[in-house]
C-alpha atoms as a PDB file:
ATOM      1  CA  UNK A   1     -65.008 205.121 167.793  1.00  0.00           C
ATOM      2  CA  UNK A   2     -68.178 204.291 165.818  1.00  0.00           C
ATOM      3  CA  UNK A   3     -71.181 202.927 167.665  1.00  0.00           C
ATOM      4  CA  UNK A   4     -71.803 200.200 165.077  1.00  0.00           C
ATOM      5  CA  UNK A   5     -69.422 198.190 162.914  1.00  0.00           C
ATOM      6  CA  UNK A   6     -70.993 196.859 159.722  1.00  0.00           C
ATOM      7  CA  UNK A   7     -69.144 193.928 158.161  1.00  0.00           C
ATOM      8  CA  UNK A   8     -69.717 192.826 154.581  1.00  0.00           C
ATOM      9  CA  UNK A   9     -67.851 189.755 153.371  1.00  0.00           C
ATOM     10  CA  UNK A  10     -67.700 189.018 149.678  1.00  0.00           C
ATOM     11  CA  UNK A  11     -66.219 186.541 147.239  1.00  0.00           C
ATOM     12  CA  UNK A  12     -66.612 187.014 143.484  1.00  0.00           C
ATOM     13  CA  UNK A  13     -69.803 189.040 143.793  1.00  0.00           C
ATOM     14  CA  UNK A  14     -68.903 192.212 141.937  1.00  0.00           C
ATOM     15  CA  UNK A  15     -72.464 192.334 140.568  1.00  0.00           C
ATOM     16  CA  UNK A  16     -74.020 192.310 144.043  1.00  0.00           C
ATOM     17  CA  UNK A  17     -71.600 193.900 146.486  1.00  0.00           C
ATOM     18  CA  UNK A  18     -71.985 197.460 145.213  1.00  0.00           C
ATOM     19  CA  UNK A  19     -75.739 197.366 145.884  1.00  0.00           C
ATOM     20  CA  UNK A  20     -75.070 195.980 149.364  1.00  0.00           C
ATOM     21  CA  UNK A  21     -72.609 198.804 150.104  1.00  0.00           C
ATOM     22  CA  UNK A  22     -75.059 201.426 148.889  1.00  0.00           C
ATOM     23  CA  UNK A  23     -77.806 200.037 151.109  1.00  0.00           C
ATOM     24  CA  UNK A  24     -75.523 200.530 154.134  1.00  0.00           C
ATOM     25  CA  UNK A  25     -74.398 204.019 153.153  1.00  0.00           C
ATOM     26  CA  UNK A  26     -78.076 204.983 152.710  1.00  0.00           C
ATOM     27  CA  UNK A  27     -78.933 204.197 156.349  1.00  0.00           C
ATOM     28  CA  UNK A  28     -80.609 206.994 158.317  1.00  0.00           C
ATOM     29  CA  UNK A  29     -78.328 206.107 161.251  1.00  0.00           C
ATOM     30  CA  UNK A  30     -74.837 207.410 160.511  1.00  0.00           C
ATOM     31  CA  UNK A  31     -72.643 206.510 163.499  1.00  0.00           C
ATOM     32  CA  UNK A  32     -71.150 203.424 161.890  1.00  0.00           C
ATOM     33  CA  UNK A  33     -68.073 202.134 160.124  1.00  0.00           C
ATOM     34  CA  UNK A  34     -68.360 199.852 157.116  1.00  0.00           C
ATOM     35  CA  UNK A  35     -65.698 197.156 156.820  1.00  0.00           C
ATOM     36  CA  UNK A  36     -65.710 195.121 153.601  1.00  0.00           C
ATOM     37  CA  UNK A  37     -63.635 191.927 153.571  1.00  0.00           C
ATOM     38  CA  UNK A  38     -62.767 190.656 150.100  1.00  0.00           C
ATOM     39  CA  UNK A  39     -62.136 186.936 150.544  1.00  0.00           C
ATOM     40  CA  UNK A  40     -59.788 186.492 147.592  1.00  0.00           C
ATOM     41  CA  UNK A  41     -62.118 187.557 144.758  1.00  0.00           C
ATOM     42  CA  UNK A  42     -60.889 187.232 141.172  1.00  0.00           C
ATOM     43  CA  UNK A  43     -63.860 188.731 139.289  1.00  0.00           C
ATOM     44  CA  UNK A  44     -63.364 192.485 139.512  1.00  0.00           C
ATOM     45  CA  UNK A  45     -64.721 192.903 143.030  1.00  0.00           C
ATOM     46  CA  UNK A  46     -61.540 194.737 143.973  1.00  0.00           C
ATOM     47  CA  UNK A  47     -62.157 197.391 141.322  1.00  0.00           C
ATOM     48  CA  UNK A  48     -65.731 197.847 142.528  1.00  0.00           C
ATOM     49  CA  UNK A  49     -64.590 198.358 146.110  1.00  0.00           C
ATOM     50  CA  UNK A  50     -62.001 200.948 145.110  1.00  0.00           C
ATOM     51  CA  UNK A  51     -64.807 203.280 144.061  1.00  0.00           C
ATOM     52  CA  UNK A  52     -65.884 203.464 147.707  1.00  0.00           C
ATOM     53  CA  UNK A  53     -62.438 203.693 149.273  1.00  0.00           C
ATOM     54  CA  UNK A  54     -63.195 207.104 150.813  1.00  0.00           C
ATOM     55  CA  UNK A  55     -66.299 205.808 152.620  1.00  0.00           C
ATOM     56  CA  UNK A  56     -65.411 202.270 153.686  1.00  0.00           C
ATOM     57  CA  UNK A  57     -62.553 200.220 155.075  1.00  0.00           C
ATOM     58  CA  UNK A  58     -61.413 197.521 152.641  1.00  0.00           C
ATOM     59  CA  UNK A  59     -59.593 194.377 153.734  1.00  0.00           C
ATOM     60  CA  UNK A  60     -58.220 191.757 151.352  1.00  0.00           C
ATOM     61  CA  UNK A  61     -57.270 188.188 152.226  1.00  0.00           C
ATOM     62  CA  UNK A  62     -56.657 184.910 150.446  1.00  0.00           C
ATOM     63  CA  UNK A  63     -59.800 182.873 149.949  1.00  0.00           C
ATOM     64  CA  UNK A  64     -60.419 181.171 153.296  1.00  0.00           C
ATOM     65  CA  UNK A  65     -64.211 181.080 153.459  1.00  0.00           C
ATOM     66  CA  UNK A  66     -66.989 183.147 154.970  1.00  0.00           C
ATOM     67  CA  UNK A  67     -66.170 182.307 158.607  1.00  0.00           C
ATOM     68  CA  UNK A  68     -62.600 183.495 158.260  1.00  0.00           C
ATOM     69  CA  UNK A  69     -63.719 186.631 156.409  1.00  0.00           C
ATOM     70  CA  UNK A  70     -66.283 187.524 159.080  1.00  0.00           C
ATOM     71  CA  UNK A  71     -63.761 186.903 161.838  1.00  0.00           C
ATOM     72  CA  UNK A  72     -61.262 189.147 160.038  1.00  0.00           C
ATOM     73  CA  UNK A  73     -63.880 191.866 159.912  1.00  0.00           C
ATOM     74  CA  UNK A  74     -64.698 191.508 163.603  1.00  0.00           C
ATOM     75  CA  UNK A  75     -61.039 191.685 164.603  1.00  0.00           C
ATOM     76  CA  UNK A  76     -60.459 194.839 162.524  1.00  0.00           C
ATOM     77  CA  UNK A  77     -63.614 196.657 163.641  1.00  0.00           C
ATOM     78  CA  UNK A  78     -64.194 198.936 166.618  1.00  0.00           C
ATOM     79  CA  UNK A  79     -67.927 199.384 167.231  1.00  0.00           C
ATOM     80  CA  UNK A  80     -69.761 198.337 170.371  1.00  0.00           C
ATOM     81  CA  UNK A  81     -72.350 196.685 168.122  1.00  0.00           C
ATOM     82  CA  UNK A  82     -71.623 194.461 165.121  1.00  0.00           C
ATOM     83  CA  UNK A  83     -73.911 193.908 162.152  1.00  0.00           C
ATOM     84  CA  UNK A  84     -73.236 191.576 159.238  1.00  0.00           C
ATOM     85  CA  UNK A  85     -74.508 191.954 155.701  1.00  0.00           C
ATOM     86  CA  UNK A  86     -74.068 189.193 153.155  1.00  0.00           C
ATOM     87  CA  UNK A  87     -72.916 190.734 149.898  1.00  0.00           C
ATOM     88  CA  UNK A  88     -75.977 189.476 148.001  1.00  0.00           C
ATOM     89  CA  UNK A  89     -78.456 190.946 150.519  1.00  0.00           C
ATOM     90  CA  UNK A  90     -79.726 194.497 151.037  1.00  0.00           C
ATOM     91  CA  UNK A  91     -80.825 196.628 153.982  1.00  0.00           C
ATOM     92  CA  UNK A  92     -83.784 198.978 154.113  1.00  0.00           C
ATOM     93  CA  UNK A  93     -82.886 202.502 155.334  1.00  0.00           C
ATOM     94  CA  UNK A  94     -84.104 202.172 158.944  1.00  0.00           C
ATOM     95  CA  UNK A  95     -82.346 198.919 159.756  1.00  0.00           C
ATOM     96  CA  UNK A  96     -79.519 200.244 161.923  1.00  0.00           C
ATOM     97  CA  UNK A  97     -81.511 202.967 163.696  1.00  0.00           C
ATOM     98  CA  UNK A  98     -84.258 200.500 164.650  1.00  0.00           C
ATOM     99  CA  UNK A  99     -81.837 198.006 166.159  1.00  0.00           C
ATOM    100  CA  UNK A 100     -79.727 200.575 167.995  1.00  0.00           C
ATOM    101  CA  UNK A 101     -82.943 201.970 169.514  1.00  0.00           C
ATOM    102  CA  UNK A 102     -83.906 198.447 170.578  1.00  0.00           C
ATOM    103  CA  UNK A 103     -80.599 197.970 172.413  1.00  0.00           C
ATOM    104  CA  UNK A 104     -80.919 201.352 174.107  1.00  0.00           C
ATOM    105  CA  UNK A 105     -84.314 200.361 175.518  1.00  0.00           C
ATOM    106  CA  UNK A 106     -83.264 196.754 176.271  1.00  0.00           C
ATOM    107  CA  UNK A 107     -79.824 197.063 177.891  1.00  0.00           C
ATOM    108  CA  UNK A 108     -79.817 193.390 178.886  1.00  0.00           C
ATOM    109  CA  UNK A 109     -80.099 192.219 175.257  1.00  0.00           C
ATOM    110  CA  UNK A 110     -77.031 190.883 173.448  1.00  0.00           C
ATOM    111  CA  UNK A 111     -78.556 189.945 170.076  1.00  0.00           C
ATOM    112  CA  UNK A 112     -81.525 191.123 168.081  1.00  0.00           C
ATOM    113  CA  UNK A 113     -82.616 190.429 164.534  1.00  0.00           C
ATOM    114  CA  UNK A 114     -85.331 191.721 162.217  1.00  0.00           C
ATOM    115  CA  UNK A 115     -87.817 190.153 159.877  1.00  0.00           C
ATOM    116  CA  UNK A 116     -86.874 189.969 156.221  1.00  0.00           C
ATOM    117  CA  UNK A 117     -88.232 190.086 152.699  1.00  0.00           C
ATOM    118  CA  UNK A 118     -87.246 187.137 150.507  1.00  0.00           C
ATOM    119  CA  UNK A 119     -86.525 187.490 146.810  1.00  0.00           C
ATOM    120  CA  UNK A 120     -85.649 184.535 144.596  1.00  0.00           C
ATOM    121  CA  UNK A 121     -84.345 185.468 141.167  1.00  0.00           C
ATOM    122  CA  UNK A 122     -85.883 188.898 141.650  1.00  0.00           C
ATOM    123  CA  UNK A 123     -89.366 187.649 142.577  1.00  0.00           C
ATOM    124  CA  UNK A 124     -90.760 187.988 146.098  1.00  0.00           C
ATOM    125  CA  UNK A 125     -91.461 184.623 147.712  1.00  0.00           C
ATOM    126  CA  UNK A 126     -93.097 183.461 150.926  1.00  0.00           C
ATOM    127  CA  UNK A 127     -90.488 181.965 153.311  1.00  0.00           C
ATOM    128  CA  UNK A 128     -93.208 179.664 154.671  1.00  0.00           C
ATOM    129  CA  UNK A 129     -93.876 178.610 158.223  1.00  0.00           C
ATOM    130  CA  UNK A 130     -90.819 176.329 158.362  1.00  0.00           C
ATOM    131  CA  UNK A 131     -88.610 179.441 158.344  1.00  0.00           C
ATOM    132  CA  UNK A 132     -90.637 181.295 160.984  1.00  0.00           C
ATOM    133  CA  UNK A 133     -88.541 183.457 163.308  1.00  0.00           C
ATOM    134  CA  UNK A 134     -88.961 183.456 167.080  1.00  0.00           C
ATOM    135  CA  UNK A 135     -88.010 185.823 169.876  1.00  0.00           C
ATOM    136  CA  UNK A 136     -86.473 185.247 173.291  1.00  0.00           C
ATOM    137  CA  UNK A 137     -85.331 181.812 174.444  1.00  0.00           C
ATOM    138  CA  UNK A 138     -85.156 180.216 171.006  1.00  0.00           C
ATOM    139  CA  UNK A 139     -82.564 177.447 171.424  1.00  0.00           C
ATOM    140  CA  UNK A 140     -85.125 174.710 170.765  1.00  0.00           C
ATOM    141  CA  UNK A 141     -86.222 176.412 167.540  1.00  0.00           C
ATOM    142  CA  UNK A 142     -82.611 176.821 166.369  1.00  0.00           C
ATOM    143  CA  UNK A 143     -81.940 173.083 166.346  1.00  0.00           C
ATOM    144  CA  UNK A 144     -83.778 172.078 163.180  1.00  0.00           C
ATOM    145  CA  UNK A 145     -82.364 174.822 160.937  1.00  0.00           C
ATOM    146  CA  UNK A 146     -80.849 178.289 161.098  1.00  0.00           C
ATOM    147  CA  UNK A 147     -83.391 180.713 162.581  1.00  0.00           C
ATOM    148  CA  UNK A 148     -81.197 183.816 162.501  1.00  0.00           C
ATOM    149  CA  UNK A 149     -80.116 185.471 159.286  1.00  0.00           C
ATOM    150  CA  UNK A 150     -76.645 187.030 159.652  1.00  0.00           C
ATOM    151  CA  UNK A 151     -77.782 189.974 157.514  1.00  0.00           C
ATOM    152  CA  UNK A 152     -80.613 190.705 159.956  1.00  0.00           C
ATOM    153  CA  UNK A 153     -78.662 190.413 163.216  1.00  0.00           C
ATOM    154  CA  UNK A 154     -77.057 193.067 165.397  1.00  0.00           C
ATOM    155  CA  UNK A 155     -74.807 191.785 168.182  1.00  0.00           C
ATOM    156  CA  UNK A 156     -73.099 193.381 171.152  1.00  0.00           C
ATOM    157  CA  UNK A 157     -69.379 192.858 170.684  1.00  0.00           C
ATOM    158  CA  UNK A 158     -69.128 191.411 174.195  1.00  0.00           C
ATOM    159  CA  UNK A 159     -71.120 188.362 173.098  1.00  0.00           C
ATOM    160  CA  UNK A 160     -68.165 187.063 171.103  1.00  0.00           C
ATOM    161  CA  UNK A 161     -66.066 187.087 174.275  1.00  0.00           C
ATOM    162  CA  UNK A 162     -68.595 184.646 175.735  1.00  0.00           C
ATOM    163  CA  UNK A 163     -69.345 182.313 172.815  1.00  0.00           C
ATOM    164  CA  UNK A 164     -66.351 182.725 170.498  1.00  0.00           C
ATOM    165  CA  UNK A 165     -66.139 183.701 166.834  1.00  0.00           C
ATOM    166  CA  UNK A 166     -67.308 181.842 163.732  1.00  0.00           C
ATOM    167  CA  UNK A 167     -65.886 178.334 163.374  1.00  0.00           C
ATOM    168  CA  UNK A 168     -63.416 178.498 160.478  1.00  0.00           C
ATOM    169  CA  UNK A 169     -63.429 174.695 160.150  1.00  0.00           C
ATOM    170  CA  UNK A 170     -67.046 174.800 158.963  1.00  0.00           C
ATOM    171  CA  UNK A 171     -67.305 175.618 155.235  1.00  0.00           C
ATOM    172  CA  UNK A 172     -71.094 175.991 155.595  1.00  0.00           C
ATOM    173  CA  UNK A 173     -73.689 176.260 158.409  1.00  0.00           C
ATOM    174  CA  UNK A 174     -71.201 178.393 160.321  1.00  0.00           C
ATOM    175  CA  UNK A 175     -74.049 180.729 161.309  1.00  0.00           C
ATOM    176  CA  UNK A 176     -76.172 177.793 162.552  1.00  0.00           C
ATOM    177  CA  UNK A 177     -73.214 176.818 164.740  1.00  0.00           C
ATOM    178  CA  UNK A 178     -72.789 180.325 166.171  1.00  0.00           C
ATOM    179  CA  UNK A 179     -76.479 180.774 166.948  1.00  0.00           C
ATOM    180  CA  UNK A 180     -76.569 177.460 168.795  1.00  0.00           C
ATOM    181  CA  UNK A 181     -73.681 178.625 170.987  1.00  0.00           C
ATOM    182  CA  UNK A 182     -75.426 181.923 171.625  1.00  0.00           C
ATOM    183  CA  UNK A 183     -79.011 180.707 172.047  1.00  0.00           C
ATOM    184  CA  UNK A 184     -78.125 178.095 174.663  1.00  0.00           C
ATOM    185  CA  UNK A 185     -76.890 180.952 176.879  1.00  0.00           C
ATOM    186  CA  UNK A 186     -78.853 184.075 175.974  1.00  0.00           C
ATOM    187  CA  UNK A 187     -82.169 185.199 174.451  1.00  0.00           C
ATOM    188  CA  UNK A 188     -82.173 186.238 170.802  1.00  0.00           C
ATOM    189  CA  UNK A 189     -84.795 188.924 170.252  1.00  0.00           C
ATOM    190  CA  UNK A 190     -86.863 189.552 167.129  1.00  0.00           C
ATOM    191  CA  UNK A 191     -87.939 192.973 165.887  1.00  0.00           C
ATOM    192  CA  UNK A 192     -91.092 192.073 163.996  1.00  0.00           C
ATOM    193  CA  UNK A 193     -90.433 194.389 161.072  1.00  0.00           C
ATOM    194  CA  UNK A 194     -88.869 193.436 157.707  1.00  0.00           C
ATOM    195  CA  UNK A 195     -85.733 195.553 157.380  1.00  0.00           C
ATOM    196  CA  UNK A 196     -83.597 193.417 155.070  1.00  0.00           C
ATOM    197  CA  UNK A 197     -84.021 192.021 151.587  1.00  0.00           C
ATOM    198  CA  UNK A 198     -82.647 188.495 151.348  1.00  0.00           C
ATOM    199  CA  UNK A 199     -81.838 187.573 147.765  1.00  0.00           C
ATOM    200  CA  UNK A 200     -81.497 183.937 146.727  1.00  0.00           C
ATOM    201  CA  UNK A 201     -81.538 181.636 143.756  1.00  0.00           C
ATOM    202  CA  UNK A 202     -78.030 182.316 142.429  1.00  0.00           C
ATOM    203  CA  UNK A 203     -75.616 179.392 142.010  1.00  0.00           C
ATOM    204  CA  UNK A 204     -72.858 180.563 144.384  1.00  0.00           C
ATOM    205  CA  UNK A 205     -74.952 180.354 147.553  1.00  0.00           C
ATOM    206  CA  UNK A 206     -73.287 178.081 150.095  1.00  0.00           C
ATOM    207  CA  UNK A 207     -76.465 176.058 150.550  1.00  0.00           C
ATOM    208  CA  UNK A 208     -76.306 175.135 146.839  1.00  0.00           C
ATOM    209  CA  UNK A 209     -72.568 174.514 146.674  1.00  0.00           C
ATOM    210  CA  UNK A 210     -72.336 171.683 149.207  1.00  0.00           C
ATOM    211  CA  UNK A 211     -74.031 168.328 148.775  1.00  0.00           C
ATOM    212  CA  UNK A 212     -75.543 166.976 151.972  1.00  0.00           C
ATOM    213  CA  UNK A 213     -75.270 170.277 153.827  1.00  0.00           C
ATOM    214  CA  UNK A 214     -76.924 168.781 156.923  1.00  0.00           C
ATOM    215  CA  UNK A 215     -73.648 167.047 157.757  1.00  0.00           C
ATOM    216  CA  UNK A 216     -72.292 170.451 158.828  1.00  0.00           C
ATOM    217  CA  UNK A 217     -75.301 170.965 161.102  1.00  0.00           C
ATOM    218  CA  UNK A 218     -74.595 167.525 162.539  1.00  0.00           C
ATOM    219  CA  UNK A 219     -71.055 168.615 163.314  1.00  0.00           C
ATOM    220  CA  UNK A 220     -72.357 171.770 165.012  1.00  0.00           C
ATOM    221  CA  UNK A 221     -74.732 169.674 167.112  1.00  0.00           C
ATOM    222  CA  UNK A 222     -71.951 167.369 168.266  1.00  0.00           C
ATOM    223  CA  UNK A 223     -69.895 170.422 169.209  1.00  0.00           C
ATOM    224  CA  UNK A 224     -72.662 171.906 171.354  1.00  0.00           C
ATOM    225  CA  UNK A 225     -73.371 168.535 172.965  1.00  0.00           C
ATOM    226  CA  UNK A 226     -69.696 168.210 173.922  1.00  0.00           C
ATOM    227  CA  UNK A 227     -69.433 171.788 175.179  1.00  0.00           C
ATOM    228  CA  UNK A 228     -70.831 171.357 178.703  1.00  0.00           C
ATOM    229  CA  UNK A 229     -72.821 174.577 178.211  1.00  0.00           C
ATOM    230  CA  UNK A 230     -76.227 172.910 177.887  1.00  0.00           C
ATOM    231  CA  UNK A 231     -78.797 172.456 180.600  1.00  0.00           C
ATOM    232  CA  UNK A 232     -80.112 168.872 180.880  1.00  0.00           C
ATOM    233  CA  UNK A 233     -83.251 169.950 179.009  1.00  0.00           C
ATOM    234  CA  UNK A 234     -81.280 171.585 176.211  1.00  0.00           C
ATOM    235  CA  UNK A 235     -79.001 168.551 176.029  1.00  0.00           C
ATOM    236  CA  UNK A 236     -81.994 166.277 175.598  1.00  0.00           C
ATOM    237  CA  UNK A 237     -83.400 168.460 172.821  1.00  0.00           C
ATOM    238  CA  UNK A 238     -80.053 168.699 170.993  1.00  0.00           C
ATOM    239  CA  UNK A 239     -79.507 164.946 171.198  1.00  0.00           C
ATOM    240  CA  UNK A 240     -83.005 164.310 169.863  1.00  0.00           C
ATOM    241  CA  UNK A 241     -82.276 166.554 166.872  1.00  0.00           C
ATOM    242  CA  UNK A 242     -78.884 164.905 166.338  1.00  0.00           C
ATOM    243  CA  UNK A 243     -80.607 161.524 166.170  1.00  0.00           C
ATOM    244  CA  UNK A 244     -83.109 162.834 163.639  1.00  0.00           C
ATOM    245  CA  UNK A 245     -80.506 164.425 161.384  1.00  0.00           C
ATOM    246  CA  UNK A 246     -78.146 161.438 161.590  1.00  0.00           C
ATOM    247  CA  UNK A 247     -80.974 159.053 160.723  1.00  0.00           C
ATOM    248  CA  UNK A 248     -81.960 161.078 157.652  1.00  0.00           C
ATOM    249  CA  UNK A 249     -78.393 161.661 156.506  1.00  0.00           C
ATOM    250  CA  UNK A 250     -77.200 158.139 157.332  1.00  0.00           C
ATOM    251  CA  UNK A 251     -80.106 156.482 155.499  1.00  0.00           C
ATOM    252  CA  UNK A 252     -79.419 158.759 152.545  1.00  0.00           C
ATOM    253  CA  UNK A 253     -75.821 157.566 152.476  1.00  0.00           C
ATOM    254  CA  UNK A 254     -76.951 153.936 152.474  1.00  0.00           C
ATOM    255  CA  UNK A 255     -79.307 154.585 149.552  1.00  0.00           C
ATOM    256  CA  UNK A 256     -76.403 156.096 147.609  1.00  0.00           C
ATOM    257  CA  UNK A 257     -74.202 153.093 148.282  1.00  0.00           C
ATOM    258  CA  UNK A 258     -72.041 154.787 150.936  1.00  0.00           C
ATOM    259  CA  UNK A 259     -72.435 151.947 153.422  1.00  0.00           C
ATOM    260  CA  UNK A 260     -69.546 152.733 155.782  1.00  0.00           C
ATOM    261  CA  UNK A 261     -70.344 156.427 156.037  1.00  0.00           C
ATOM    262  CA  UNK A 262     -74.053 155.759 156.468  1.00  0.00           C
ATOM    263  CA  UNK A 263     -73.528 153.260 159.265  1.00  0.00           C
ATOM    264  CA  UNK A 264     -71.175 155.603 161.096  1.00  0.00           C
ATOM    265  CA  UNK A 265     -73.669 158.469 160.963  1.00  0.00           C
ATOM    266  CA  UNK A 266     -76.436 156.185 162.178  1.00  0.00           C
ATOM    267  CA  UNK A 267     -74.242 155.133 165.122  1.00  0.00           C
ATOM    268  CA  UNK A 268     -72.949 158.635 165.913  1.00  0.00           C
ATOM    269  CA  UNK A 269     -75.710 159.727 168.379  1.00  0.00           C
ATOM    270  CA  UNK A 270     -74.885 156.818 170.677  1.00  0.00           C
ATOM    271  CA  UNK A 271     -71.601 158.579 171.509  1.00  0.00           C
ATOM    272  CA  UNK A 272     -73.637 161.318 173.211  1.00  0.00           C
ATOM    273  CA  UNK A 273     -76.087 159.156 175.136  1.00  0.00           C
ATOM    274  CA  UNK A 274     -75.383 160.041 178.739  1.00  0.00           C
ATOM    275  CA  UNK A 275     -74.912 157.357 181.349  1.00  0.00           C
ATOM    276  CA  UNK A 276     -74.665 158.083 185.102  1.00  0.00           C
ATOM    277  CA  UNK A 277     -70.876 157.980 184.734  1.00  0.00           C
ATOM    278  CA  UNK A 278     -70.935 160.715 182.091  1.00  0.00           C
ATOM    279  CA  UNK A 279     -73.896 162.731 183.375  1.00  0.00           C
ATOM    280  CA  UNK A 280     -71.778 165.775 184.167  1.00  0.00           C
ATOM    281  CA  UNK A 281     -69.356 165.606 181.255  1.00  0.00           C
ATOM    282  CA  UNK A 282     -69.738 164.410 177.680  1.00  0.00           C
ATOM    283  CA  UNK A 283     -67.118 162.806 175.495  1.00  0.00           C
ATOM    284  CA  UNK A 284     -65.536 165.926 173.998  1.00  0.00           C
ATOM    285  CA  UNK A 285     -63.322 163.846 171.700  1.00  0.00           C
ATOM    286  CA  UNK A 286     -66.133 161.911 170.059  1.00  0.00           C
ATOM    287  CA  UNK A 287     -66.854 164.456 167.347  1.00  0.00           C
ATOM    288  CA  UNK A 288     -63.129 164.973 166.631  1.00  0.00           C
ATOM    289  CA  UNK A 289     -62.622 161.243 166.072  1.00  0.00           C
ATOM    290  CA  UNK A 290     -65.674 160.893 163.829  1.00  0.00           C
ATOM    291  CA  UNK A 291     -65.380 164.036 161.724  1.00  0.00           C
ATOM    292  CA  UNK A 292     -61.722 163.450 161.103  1.00  0.00           C
ATOM    293  CA  UNK A 293     -62.925 160.758 158.685  1.00  0.00           C
ATOM    294  CA  UNK A 294     -65.959 162.458 157.125  1.00  0.00           C
ATOM    295  CA  UNK A 295     -65.142 166.168 156.784  1.00  0.00           C
END
């Protein structure tokens, strides 16, 4: 049984996925399995993967999205630790060895991530302070935007038993949703060393494919508010962020002439305002009722 399971998910990225695979196979830590999940590619990705059939495990499925593909990889992997690599990103050679060493010296840790180098259309860019990464109890920092890059994270498999897998009903911001569920329970540690190369600027990135992507973060916030896993302080912080995001998104809808949708988003946070009667338990059906109309 390998110590680490590396999971690459890919969809129509034949030009990128081979470089991603090579960056894993070049790791100085060798006790790993590499599972590549092809999420229904039609561009020649399958032919690219065949060239590595002796070194990797290849899984094919119909196109069901990144959450489904990652979950497929998790279910078909065996390692005690799980690392994800987006097929357009790359790892530097010491990525796995550094994180395994961290877990060996921090046996209480369930998640750690590394710093990263950002490239946009091949040019290095500064991720700016807004994307600053934090270490430890980072739930508050995870509310505004995703603070953990899947390609940088290593996770003990047991964490998924506690918080669940990726939400396959979220076509985007699925990582934001998972990190909220994890960070409200456990610390997420940062290794302050850039060990991944995050490549952006191409048109098939999920953040560029969905208009109004914050609506998926809003859904994730309503899920965590209805989960009964938050402390009163965390609940207050999550509700405050929900109000902020709903105000911005709702007002944007009104400006675009989407009056009904805008008004419903503006009213949504009121469903999670706790009264003495509901202090111990939120309305777990509120988000189901609302998002049934606006998914």
